[in-house]
C-alpha atoms as a PDB file:
ATOM      1  CA  UNK A   1     -19.519  -9.059  25.147  1.00  0.00           C
ATOM      2  CA  UNK A   2     -16.802 -10.756  24.058  1.00  0.00           C
ATOM      3  CA  UNK A   3     -13.940  -7.702  24.830  1.00  0.00           C
ATOM      4  CA  UNK A   4     -12.990  -5.371  26.071  1.00  0.00           C
ATOM      5  CA  UNK A   5     -11.292  -2.843  23.564  1.00  0.00           C
ATOM      6  CA  UNK A   6     -10.464   0.655  24.560  1.00  0.00           C
ATOM      7  CA  UNK A   7     -12.920   3.017  23.291  1.00  0.00           C
ATOM      8  CA  UNK A   8     -12.892   4.840  19.865  1.00  0.00           C
ATOM      9  CA  UNK A   9     -10.376   8.097  20.071  1.00  0.00           C
ATOM     10  CA  UNK A  10     -12.268  10.980  18.813  1.00  0.00           C
ATOM     11  CA  UNK A  11     -11.935  12.768  15.588  1.00  0.00           C
ATOM     12  CA  UNK A  12      -9.829  14.992  16.484  1.00  0.00           C
ATOM     13  CA  UNK A  13      -6.549  13.303  17.605  1.00  0.00           C
ATOM     14  CA  UNK A  14      -6.666  10.543  14.428  1.00  0.00           C
ATOM     15  CA  UNK A  15      -3.336   8.611  14.539  1.00  0.00           C
ATOM     16  CA  UNK A  16      -1.397   9.783  10.922  1.00  0.00           C
ATOM     17  CA  UNK A  17      -1.670   6.280   9.611  1.00  0.00           C
ATOM     18  CA  UNK A  18      -5.833   6.366   9.482  1.00  0.00           C
ATOM     19  CA  UNK A  19      -6.589   9.423   8.285  1.00  0.00           C
ATOM     20  CA  UNK A  20      -3.391  10.085   5.259  1.00  0.00           C
ATOM     21  CA  UNK A  21      -5.537  10.141   2.197  1.00  0.00           C
ATOM     22  CA  UNK A  22      -8.197   9.956   3.752  1.00  0.00           C
ATOM     23  CA  UNK A  23     -11.541  12.149   2.691  1.00  0.00           C
ATOM     24  CA  UNK A  24     -13.777  13.532   6.355  1.00  0.00           C
ATOM     25  CA  UNK A  25     -16.610  11.485   5.604  1.00  0.00           C
ATOM     26  CA  UNK A  26     -14.316   8.777   5.128  1.00  0.00           C
ATOM     27  CA  UNK A  27     -12.504   9.646   8.905  1.00  0.00           C
ATOM     28  CA  UNK A  28     -16.682   9.203   9.706  1.00  0.00           C
ATOM     29  CA  UNK A  29     -17.222   5.998   8.346  1.00  0.00           C
ATOM     30  CA  UNK A  30     -13.980   5.115   9.659  1.00  0.00           C
ATOM     31  CA  UNK A  31     -14.801   5.993  13.603  1.00  0.00           C
ATOM     32  CA  UNK A  32     -18.015   4.349  12.439  1.00  0.00           C
ATOM     33  CA  UNK A  33     -16.367   1.105  11.643  1.00  0.00           C
ATOM     34  CA  UNK A  34     -14.073   1.304  14.965  1.00  0.00           C
ATOM     35  CA  UNK A  35     -17.026   1.383  16.737  1.00  0.00           C
ATOM     36  CA  UNK A  36     -19.065  -1.316  15.391  1.00  0.00           C
ATOM     37  CA  UNK A  37     -16.587  -3.273  15.912  1.00  0.00           C
ATOM     38  CA  UNK A  38     -16.147  -2.043  20.192  1.00  0.00           C
ATOM     39  CA  UNK A  39     -19.569  -2.723  20.367  1.00  0.00           C
ATOM     40  CA  UNK A  40     -20.242  -6.266  18.266  1.00  0.00           C
ATOM     41  CA  UNK A  41     -17.265  -8.114  19.394  1.00  0.00           C
ATOM     42  CA  UNK A  42     -15.217  -8.123  15.385  1.00  0.00           C
END
């Protein structure tokens, strides 16, 4: 792994900037993108 990033935050505690104007499926997709970025490194 290129670099160690902090693991994705749990879903109940989303910061308002990320969760603003997002549907639930958007929140899940956003969390998946963060998890994939953490695993793959980009």
